[in-house]
Amino acid sequence: MSDLYLRLTHHNIFNSVSHERLHEFLAPFADYLEIRDVKLPQGAIDEKCRDSVRLILRQPDDDTPRALLQSAHFVNDLCTEYCMEKLLDRIEGLAAEFHDEENSTIADVAVEAYLRHHDDAEEILRWERVQTRKSFQYFQAKTSEPPELLLPLEPRRLAFQRLVSQYHIEKRCGPFVDVTMEETDTMLRLLVSHGSPLKAIKLVENGQPVDRHSRPRGEAMLELNKLAGELKINAATLTRRQMYRAAFGECFFDDEEMFPDGDIWTADPLVIDGRDALSVADIDELLDASLVSVKIALSGGIPEYIRTDREALIDVLEERIAAFSMYDEEVRIVEARISLRFADSRRIRSCTIKPPNFAAFGRDGDADVIEDFLRKRGFSNGHQIKPFALPGAGLESGSLSSSIGNVSGTLAEPTA
């Protein structure tokens, strides 16, 4: 069996957890550990005992209690520096508990949050998992300026939850739907947890094969950019994304067509501006951008992928478009994949644009920088928006990209 929970069970991390916290974490499973020849001492837990527990967690057997594995999974996911900062910042009283502990570690904070603040930690972890989502479908509000949310929000959230629950019941996904809401000055985000159709799974119990049924959990996310009037949705299927789009408009704006299908993204800058469309001169976080591949389509024809050396790809694209233009053929770029190199660690991320309203980013943690690049280079078809103001931020007339640029320097970073 492959190793599990590699962060929590890393030798240095696991051994750094205080004796008191580790003992309290493992105490509910003392009987099982004793069966595995690990007896928890009354005092300090020595390195030999810790190594034995680490091995059990890394390679569980059929008798390992499910609750132990769930606990280990939970704490393992919390054992990151980013999560530790979120836990200490957002859970009231947690930071104070470490005021006199100079040598507390990431694992100490994770275990303490699990033991004392489980519900708060679970909510933070759910939102952190959302940040790994890579692809979104985008919808622009049909109004000339960003629409106003209907208040208060809580009844709107409940109405949205009921609509989504009704949809999932009709699709035989079970009645359970939970919608969590987070709001800042600049955005409104909804995280939807829901069931899925029953699936048959085969297990081995007492050495005999048995059939069981489970209903896997699924998640979706909706995020409204209040400044741009733009809604982005991550969900498993196109049908569900359309359902969420209509339900969100109906519940929060009394108009299910507030966010109609429309042109959000375009690949035209690659045709119009050529290499200039890949400039990162005004984006400090990026070192460079390069075109990896494009997919072009002719009217009534089969789409064609163009892949070649990155340095030559723009030239090849221009030649291909010019050749088709000689025969009055309308050429559209239906997909473009761009590679972006970040300045801080020289890591490389990719984004794929599929006009009119789909974009996939390689890592959602970099989404703000990638979206900034796409808008500044003209890959976004954002509406012109009228001047308006939020507390502490003044916006001038101009395009969507300039408006966002003005806000970024005056609004505090949203807490995610």
Protein backbone atom coordinates (compact mmCIF):
# COMPACT_ATOMS: atom_id res chain seq x y z
CA MET A 1 0.00 0.00 0.00
CA SER A 2 1.35 3.46 -0.83
CA ASP A 3 2.27 5.83 1.97
CA LEU A 4 -0.47 8.14 3.24
CA TYR A 5 -0.57 11.46 5.08
CA LEU A 6 3.01 12.34 4.20
CA ARG A 7 2.94 15.79 5.77
CA LEU A 8 1.61 14.72 9.17
CA THR A 9 3.72 11.58 9.30
CA HIS A 10 6.97 13.19 8.19
CA HIS A 11 9.54 12.31 10.85
CA ASN A 12 10.35 15.90 11.83
CA ILE A 13 6.73 17.10 11.76
CA PHE A 14 5.25 14.20 13.74
CA ASN A 15 8.01 14.29 16.31
CA SER A 16 7.51 18.03 16.81
CA VAL A 17 3.93 17.69 18.14
CA SER A 18 3.87 18.29 21.88
CA HIS A 19 3.46 15.21 24.06
CA GLU A 20 0.20 16.46 25.58
CA ARG A 21 -1.46 17.20 22.23
CA LEU A 22 -0.32 13.99 20.58
CA HIS A 23 -1.51 11.94 23.55
CA GLU A 24 -4.95 13.59 23.45
CA PHE A 25 -5.14 13.09 19.69
CA LEU A 26 -4.31 9.37 19.90
CA ALA A 27 -6.09 8.51 23.19
CA PRO A 28 -9.47 7.57 21.56
CA PHE A 29 -7.63 4.90 19.57
CA ALA A 30 -5.48 3.51 22.37
CA ASP A 31 -7.13 0.07 22.29
CA TYR A 32 -6.45 -0.36 18.56
CA LEU A 33 -2.88 0.89 18.91
CA GLU A 34 -2.27 -1.64 21.69
CA ILE A 35 -3.44 -4.41 19.32
CA ARG A 36 -0.75 -3.11 16.96
CA ASP A 37 1.81 -3.39 19.80
CA VAL A 38 1.88 0.35 20.49
CA LYS A 39 1.08 1.23 24.11
CA LEU A 40 0.61 4.92 24.81
CA PRO A 41 2.64 5.94 27.88
CA GLN A 42 1.18 8.10 30.61
CA GLY A 43 3.98 10.63 30.24
CA ALA A 44 6.14 11.67 27.33
CA ILE A 45 5.76 9.75 24.07
CA ASP A 46 9.24 8.63 23.03
CA GLU A 47 10.59 8.56 19.49
CA LYS A 48 10.19 4.78 19.14
CA CYS A 49 6.46 5.00 19.95
CA ARG A 50 6.03 7.91 17.55
CA ASP A 51 7.74 6.02 14.74
CA SER A 52 5.42 3.06 15.29
CA VAL A 53 2.34 5.29 15.09
CA ARG A 54 3.72 7.01 11.99
CA LEU A 55 4.05 3.62 10.29
CA ILE A 56 0.49 2.66 11.18
CA LEU A 57 -0.86 5.89 9.70
CA ARG A 58 1.23 5.57 6.58
CA GLN A 59 0.26 1.97 5.93
CA PRO A 60 -3.15 1.24 7.50
CA ASP A 61 -4.64 -2.25 7.35
CA ASP A 62 -8.26 -3.41 7.04
CA ASP A 63 -8.74 -3.15 10.81
CA THR A 64 -7.54 0.43 11.17
CA PRO A 65 -10.45 2.44 12.62
CA ARG A 66 -12.06 4.69 10.07
CA ALA A 67 -12.23 7.49 12.63
CA LEU A 68 -8.44 7.35 13.07
CA LEU A 69 -7.88 7.64 9.33
CA GLN A 70 -10.38 10.51 9.06
CA SER A 71 -8.63 12.35 11.90
CA ALA A 72 -5.22 11.81 10.33
CA HIS A 73 -6.53 12.96 6.94
CA PHE A 74 -7.98 16.11 8.49
CA VAL A 75 -4.84 17.08 10.37
CA ASN A 76 -2.61 16.19 7.42
CA ASP A 77 -4.49 18.65 5.21
CA LEU A 78 -4.05 21.36 7.85
CA CYS A 79 -0.28 20.82 8.06
CA THR A 80 0.77 23.56 5.66
CA GLU A 81 2.23 26.97 6.41
CA TYR A 82 -0.60 28.67 4.53
CA CYS A 83 -3.27 26.80 6.51
CA MET A 84 -1.49 27.55 9.77
CA GLU A 85 -1.63 31.29 9.03
CA LYS A 86 -5.34 31.03 8.21
CA LEU A 87 -6.08 29.07 11.37
CA LEU A 88 -4.23 31.50 13.64
CA ASP A 89 -5.76 34.52 11.92
CA ARG A 90 -9.37 33.40 11.69
CA ILE A 91 -10.05 31.19 14.74
CA GLU A 92 -10.68 33.34 17.77
CA GLY A 93 -8.45 32.45 20.68
CA LEU A 94 -6.24 29.96 18.84
CA ALA A 95 -3.23 32.25 18.58
CA ALA A 96 -3.49 33.07 22.30
CA GLU A 97 -3.16 29.39 23.15
CA PHE A 98 0.38 29.47 21.70
CA HIS A 99 1.39 32.75 23.31
CA ASP A 100 3.77 31.06 25.75
CA GLU A 101 4.96 28.33 23.37
CA GLU A 102 8.03 29.61 21.56
CA ASN A 103 8.70 26.31 19.79
CA SER A 104 5.21 25.47 18.53
CA THR A 105 5.10 24.04 15.01
CA ILE A 106 2.70 23.72 12.09
CA ALA A 107 1.65 20.30 13.36
CA ASP A 108 0.98 21.68 16.86
CA VAL A 109 -1.37 24.31 15.42
CA ALA A 110 -3.10 21.72 13.21
CA VAL A 111 -3.68 19.24 16.05
CA GLU A 112 -4.81 21.99 18.45
CA ALA A 113 -7.29 23.29 15.85
CA TYR A 114 -8.58 19.75 15.33
CA LEU A 115 -9.01 19.12 19.06
CA ARG A 116 -10.43 22.48 20.23
CA HIS A 117 -11.84 24.23 17.14
CA HIS A 118 -12.90 21.40 14.85
CA ASP A 119 -15.86 23.10 13.18
CA ASP A 120 -13.98 26.33 12.45
CA ALA A 121 -10.98 24.41 11.12
CA GLU A 122 -13.23 22.28 8.93
CA GLU A 123 -14.81 25.37 7.36
CA ILE A 124 -11.40 26.92 6.68
CA LEU A 125 -10.17 23.66 5.18
CA ARG A 126 -13.19 23.43 2.90
CA TRP A 127 -12.46 26.87 1.49
CA GLU A 128 -8.78 26.05 1.07
CA ARG A 129 -9.71 22.97 -0.95
CA VAL A 130 -11.77 25.20 -3.20
CA GLN A 131 -8.65 27.19 -4.03
CA THR A 132 -7.25 24.20 -5.88
CA ARG A 133 -10.05 24.38 -8.46
CA LYS A 134 -8.61 24.95 -11.91
CA SER A 135 -11.39 25.68 -14.37
CA PHE A 136 -14.26 28.11 -14.37
CA GLN A 137 -16.98 29.21 -16.73
CA TYR A 138 -17.46 32.97 -16.77
CA PHE A 139 -20.67 34.99 -17.13
CA GLN A 140 -20.92 38.76 -17.40
CA ALA A 141 -23.89 40.65 -15.95
CA LYS A 142 -26.18 42.05 -18.63
CA THR A 143 -26.35 45.47 -16.95
CA SER A 144 -24.15 48.37 -18.03
CA GLU A 145 -22.69 48.62 -14.54
CA PRO A 146 -22.19 45.99 -11.82
CA PRO A 147 -25.61 45.03 -10.42
CA GLU A 148 -26.49 45.47 -6.76
CA LEU A 149 -27.04 42.37 -4.65
CA LEU A 150 -30.42 42.10 -2.98
CA LEU A 151 -30.21 42.34 0.79
CA PRO A 152 -30.23 40.80 3.30
CA LEU A 153 -28.09 37.99 1.91
CA GLU A 154 -29.01 35.18 4.30
CA PRO A 155 -32.59 34.67 3.01
CA ARG A 156 -31.14 34.75 -0.50
CA ARG A 157 -28.65 32.05 0.41
CA LEU A 158 -31.39 29.85 1.83
CA ALA A 159 -33.53 30.31 -1.30
CA PHE A 160 -30.55 29.41 -3.45
CA GLN A 161 -29.91 26.32 -1.32
CA ARG A 162 -33.52 25.20 -1.74
CA LEU A 163 -33.40 25.58 -5.53
CA VAL A 164 -30.13 23.68 -5.79
CA SER A 165 -31.43 20.95 -3.45
CA GLN A 166 -34.55 20.53 -5.60
CA TYR A 167 -32.38 20.14 -8.70
CA HIS A 168 -30.19 17.46 -7.08
CA ILE A 169 -33.21 15.54 -5.79
CA GLU A 170 -34.62 15.45 -9.33
CA LYS A 171 -31.26 14.17 -10.58
CA ARG A 172 -31.29 11.33 -8.00
CA CYS A 173 -28.37 12.84 -6.10
CA GLY A 174 -30.03 12.76 -2.69
CA PRO A 175 -31.55 15.56 -0.63
CA PHE A 176 -28.41 16.82 1.10
CA VAL A 177 -27.22 20.23 -0.10
CA ASP A 178 -25.27 22.72 1.98
CA VAL A 179 -24.37 26.22 0.76
CA THR A 180 -21.70 28.19 2.63
CA MET A 181 -21.34 31.90 1.90
CA GLU A 182 -18.39 34.27 2.22
CA GLU A 183 -18.48 37.98 1.42
CA THR A 184 -15.92 40.79 1.22
CA ASP A 185 -16.10 44.32 -0.20
CA THR A 186 -15.14 43.01 -3.61
CA MET A 187 -16.64 39.54 -3.94
CA LEU A 188 -19.37 37.10 -2.90
CA ARG A 189 -18.43 33.42 -2.89
CA LEU A 190 -20.68 30.38 -2.46
CA LEU A 191 -19.41 26.87 -1.81
CA VAL A 192 -21.97 24.16 -2.55
CA SER A 193 -21.66 20.66 -1.08
CA HIS A 194 -24.03 18.08 -2.52
CA GLY A 195 -24.58 14.37 -3.02
CA SER A 196 -24.09 12.36 -6.20
CA PRO A 197 -25.97 9.40 -7.70
CA LEU A 198 -25.52 6.15 -5.80
CA LYS A 199 -22.52 4.13 -6.91
CA ALA A 200 -21.89 0.46 -6.31
CA ILE A 201 -18.55 -0.41 -4.76
CA LYS A 202 -17.01 -3.80 -4.12
CA LEU A 203 -15.38 -4.43 -0.74
CA VAL A 204 -13.78 -7.36 1.03
CA GLU A 205 -15.14 -8.03 4.51
CA ASN A 206 -13.96 -10.99 6.59
CA GLY A 207 -12.27 -12.33 3.50
CA GLN A 208 -15.47 -12.33 1.44
CA PRO A 209 -16.39 -9.98 -1.45
CA VAL A 210 -19.46 -7.84 -0.72
CA ASP A 211 -21.35 -5.17 -2.63
CA ARG A 212 -22.03 -1.85 -0.99
CA HIS A 213 -23.49 1.41 -2.25
CA SER A 214 -22.19 4.88 -1.52
CA ARG A 215 -23.23 8.38 -2.45
CA PRO A 216 -20.02 10.36 -3.09
CA ARG A 217 -19.94 13.99 -2.04
CA GLY A 218 -19.48 16.66 -4.67
CA GLU A 219 -18.68 20.36 -4.52
CA ALA A 220 -19.20 23.40 -6.69
CA MET A 221 -18.16 27.01 -6.32
CA LEU A 222 -19.63 30.31 -7.49
CA GLU A 223 -17.80 33.61 -7.12
CA LEU A 224 -19.20 37.04 -8.00
CA ASN A 225 -16.75 39.86 -8.67
CA LYS A 226 -18.74 42.84 -7.39
CA LEU A 227 -16.50 45.40 -9.10
CA ALA A 228 -16.72 43.81 -12.54
CA GLY A 229 -20.21 42.29 -12.42
CA GLU A 230 -18.67 38.97 -13.40
CA LEU A 231 -19.76 35.55 -12.14
CA LYS A 232 -17.47 32.54 -12.40
CA ILE A 233 -18.65 29.00 -11.72
CA ASN A 234 -16.82 25.74 -11.12
CA ALA A 235 -19.08 22.67 -11.36
CA ALA A 236 -18.83 19.14 -12.73
CA THR A 237 -20.96 19.52 -15.88
CA LEU A 238 -22.18 22.19 -18.27
CA THR A 239 -25.78 21.47 -17.28
CA ARG A 240 -25.01 22.12 -13.62
CA ARG A 241 -23.13 25.31 -14.42
CA GLN A 242 -26.18 26.58 -16.31
CA MET A 243 -28.40 25.62 -13.38
CA TYR A 244 -26.18 27.47 -10.92
CA ARG A 245 -26.05 30.52 -13.22
CA ALA A 246 -29.85 30.77 -13.40
CA ALA A 247 -30.40 29.98 -9.70
CA PHE A 248 -27.85 32.58 -8.60
CA GLY A 249 -29.46 35.27 -10.74
CA GLU A 250 -32.96 34.37 -9.55
CA CYS A 251 -32.12 34.28 -5.85
CA PHE A 252 -29.68 37.18 -5.51
CA PHE A 253 -31.02 39.55 -8.22
CA ASP A 254 -34.61 38.38 -8.89
CA ASP A 255 -33.56 37.73 -12.50
CA GLU A 256 -32.45 34.28 -13.61
CA GLU A 257 -30.97 35.82 -16.78
CA MET A 258 -28.88 38.42 -14.96
CA PHE A 259 -25.78 36.50 -16.10
CA PRO A 260 -26.57 35.27 -19.63
CA ASP A 261 -24.23 33.24 -21.77
CA GLY A 262 -21.96 35.79 -23.41
CA ASP A 263 -18.51 36.63 -24.67
CA ILE A 264 -16.12 36.89 -21.72
CA TRP A 265 -12.84 35.69 -23.23
CA THR A 266 -11.39 36.21 -26.69
CA ALA A 267 -8.20 35.11 -28.45
CA ASP A 268 -8.30 38.05 -30.90
CA PRO A 269 -5.21 39.79 -29.39
CA LEU A 270 -3.07 36.94 -30.75
CA VAL A 271 -4.30 37.84 -34.25
CA ILE A 272 -4.37 41.62 -33.85
CA ASP A 273 -1.32 42.27 -31.66
CA GLY A 274 0.85 39.23 -32.37
CA ARG A 275 3.79 39.01 -29.96
CA ASP A 276 2.69 42.14 -28.11
CA ALA A 277 -0.28 40.13 -26.80
CA LEU A 278 2.22 38.17 -24.67
CA SER A 279 3.99 41.15 -23.11
CA VAL A 280 4.38 41.09 -19.30
CA ALA A 281 6.22 44.42 -19.04
CA ASP A 282 3.59 45.92 -16.74
CA ILE A 283 3.05 42.84 -14.55
CA ASP A 284 5.76 42.60 -11.90
CA GLU A 285 4.84 39.06 -10.82
CA LEU A 286 5.64 37.58 -14.25
CA LEU A 287 8.93 37.06 -16.07
CA ASP A 288 7.53 36.13 -19.45
CA ALA A 289 4.62 34.54 -21.33
CA SER A 290 4.71 32.22 -24.32
CA LEU A 291 2.12 30.65 -26.59
CA VAL A 292 2.13 26.86 -26.29
CA SER A 293 -0.60 25.83 -28.74
CA VAL A 294 -3.62 27.18 -30.55
CA LYS A 295 -6.67 25.59 -32.09
CA ILE A 296 -8.22 27.30 -35.10
CA ALA A 297 -11.54 26.60 -36.75
CA LEU A 298 -12.88 27.35 -40.22
CA SER A 299 -16.57 27.81 -40.91
CA GLY A 300 -17.95 24.32 -41.36
CA GLY A 301 -14.51 22.76 -41.03
CA ILE A 302 -12.78 20.53 -38.49
CA PRO A 303 -10.76 22.50 -35.89
CA GLU A 304 -6.99 22.29 -36.38
CA TYR A 305 -4.38 22.27 -33.65
CA ILE A 306 -1.18 24.18 -34.30
CA ARG A 307 1.81 23.17 -32.24
CA THR A 308 5.42 24.00 -33.00
CA ASP A 309 8.44 25.64 -31.39
CA ARG A 310 7.13 28.29 -28.99
CA GLU A 311 9.32 31.03 -30.45
CA ALA A 312 7.89 30.38 -33.90
CA LEU A 313 4.27 29.66 -33.01
CA ILE A 314 3.04 33.26 -33.40
CA ASP A 315 4.69 33.46 -36.85
CA VAL A 316 3.17 30.14 -37.91
CA LEU A 317 -0.25 31.28 -36.69
CA GLU A 318 -0.04 34.53 -38.65
CA GLU A 319 0.99 32.65 -41.81
CA ARG A 320 -1.86 30.18 -41.42
CA ILE A 321 -4.46 32.93 -40.95
CA ALA A 322 -3.08 34.90 -43.91
CA ALA A 323 -3.24 31.82 -46.13
CA PHE A 324 -6.88 31.15 -45.29
CA SER A 325 -7.76 34.83 -45.69
CA MET A 326 -6.66 34.67 -49.33
CA TYR A 327 -9.63 32.35 -49.93
CA ASP A 328 -12.03 34.53 -47.91
CA GLU A 329 -12.22 31.88 -45.23
CA GLU A 330 -13.25 33.08 -41.78
CA VAL A 331 -10.75 31.83 -39.23
CA ARG A 332 -11.42 31.77 -35.49
CA ILE A 333 -9.11 30.81 -32.66
CA VAL A 334 -11.24 28.51 -30.52
CA GLU A 335 -8.55 27.60 -28.00
CA ALA A 336 -5.24 29.11 -26.95
CA ARG A 337 -2.87 27.77 -24.33
CA ILE A 338 -0.42 30.22 -22.78
CA SER A 339 2.49 29.44 -20.46
CA LEU A 340 3.41 32.02 -17.79
CA ARG A 341 6.68 32.14 -15.86
CA PHE A 342 6.47 33.70 -12.39
CA ALA A 343 9.23 35.96 -11.10
CA ASP A 344 9.33 34.96 -7.44
CA SER A 345 10.20 31.28 -7.90
CA ARG A 346 10.41 30.99 -11.68
CA ARG A 347 7.61 28.47 -11.53
CA ILE A 348 5.63 27.97 -14.71
CA ARG A 349 1.83 27.99 -14.83
CA SER A 350 -0.45 27.57 -17.79
CA CYS A 351 -3.83 28.95 -18.74
CA THR A 352 -6.16 27.84 -21.50
CA ILE A 353 -8.71 30.19 -23.07
CA LYS A 354 -11.71 28.79 -24.93
CA PRO A 355 -13.83 31.68 -26.19
CA PRO A 356 -16.40 32.87 -25.43
CA ASN A 357 -16.66 32.13 -21.71
CA PHE A 358 -14.29 29.41 -20.51
CA ALA A 359 -10.82 29.68 -19.02
CA ALA A 360 -8.79 27.07 -17.15
CA PHE A 361 -5.86 28.03 -14.95
CA GLY A 362 -3.15 25.56 -13.98
CA ARG A 363 -3.19 26.57 -10.31
CA ASP A 364 -5.94 28.60 -8.74
CA GLY A 365 -3.64 30.18 -6.21
CA ASP A 366 -2.16 32.22 -9.09
CA ALA A 367 -5.55 33.11 -10.57
CA ASP A 368 -5.40 36.82 -9.68
CA VAL A 369 -2.11 37.34 -11.52
CA ILE A 370 -3.21 35.29 -14.52
CA GLU A 371 -6.54 37.13 -14.80
CA ASP A 372 -4.68 40.45 -14.53
CA PHE A 373 -2.44 39.43 -17.44
CA LEU A 374 -5.38 38.29 -19.57
CA ARG A 375 -7.32 41.52 -19.01
CA LYS A 376 -4.39 43.86 -19.58
CA ARG A 377 -3.53 42.13 -22.85
CA GLY A 378 -7.13 42.32 -24.06
CA PHE A 379 -8.11 38.65 -23.79
CA SER A 380 -11.17 39.71 -21.77
CA ASN A 381 -14.31 41.10 -23.40
CA GLY A 382 -15.38 42.83 -20.17
CA HIS A 383 -18.12 45.48 -20.38
CA GLN A 384 -17.34 49.16 -19.97
CA ILE A 385 -18.47 50.06 -16.45
CA LYS A 386 -19.62 53.40 -15.09
CA PRO A 387 -17.79 55.20 -12.27
CA PHE A 388 -18.85 54.13 -8.81
CA ALA A 389 -17.24 53.93 -5.40
CA LEU A 390 -16.76 51.61 -2.47
CA PRO A 391 -15.53 52.77 0.94
CA GLY A 392 -11.87 53.67 0.57
CA ALA A 393 -11.78 53.20 -3.21
CA GLY A 394 -12.40 55.64 -6.03
CA LEU A 395 -12.83 54.39 -9.59
CA GLU A 396 -12.35 56.47 -12.69
CA SER A 397 -14.18 55.96 -15.95
CA GLY A 398 -12.52 53.46 -18.19
CA SER A 399 -12.30 49.87 -19.25
CA LEU A 400 -12.70 46.90 -16.98
CA SER A 401 -8.94 46.39 -16.82
CA SER A 402 -8.19 49.97 -15.77
CA SER A 403 -10.97 49.91 -13.18
CA ILE A 404 -9.60 46.78 -11.59
CA GLY A 405 -6.14 48.32 -11.62
CA ASN A 406 -7.40 51.37 -9.73
CA VAL A 407 -9.12 49.26 -7.10
CA SER A 408 -6.21 46.91 -6.47
CA GLY A 409 -4.15 49.65 -4.90
CA THR A 410 -6.87 50.92 -2.57
CA LEU A 411 -8.80 47.92 -1.31
CA ALA A 412 -7.42 45.51 1.25
CA GLU A 413 -6.84 41.99 0.06
CA PRO A 414 -9.99 39.89 0.59
CA THR A 415 -9.75 37.19 3.24
CA ALA A 416 -10.30 33.88 1.48
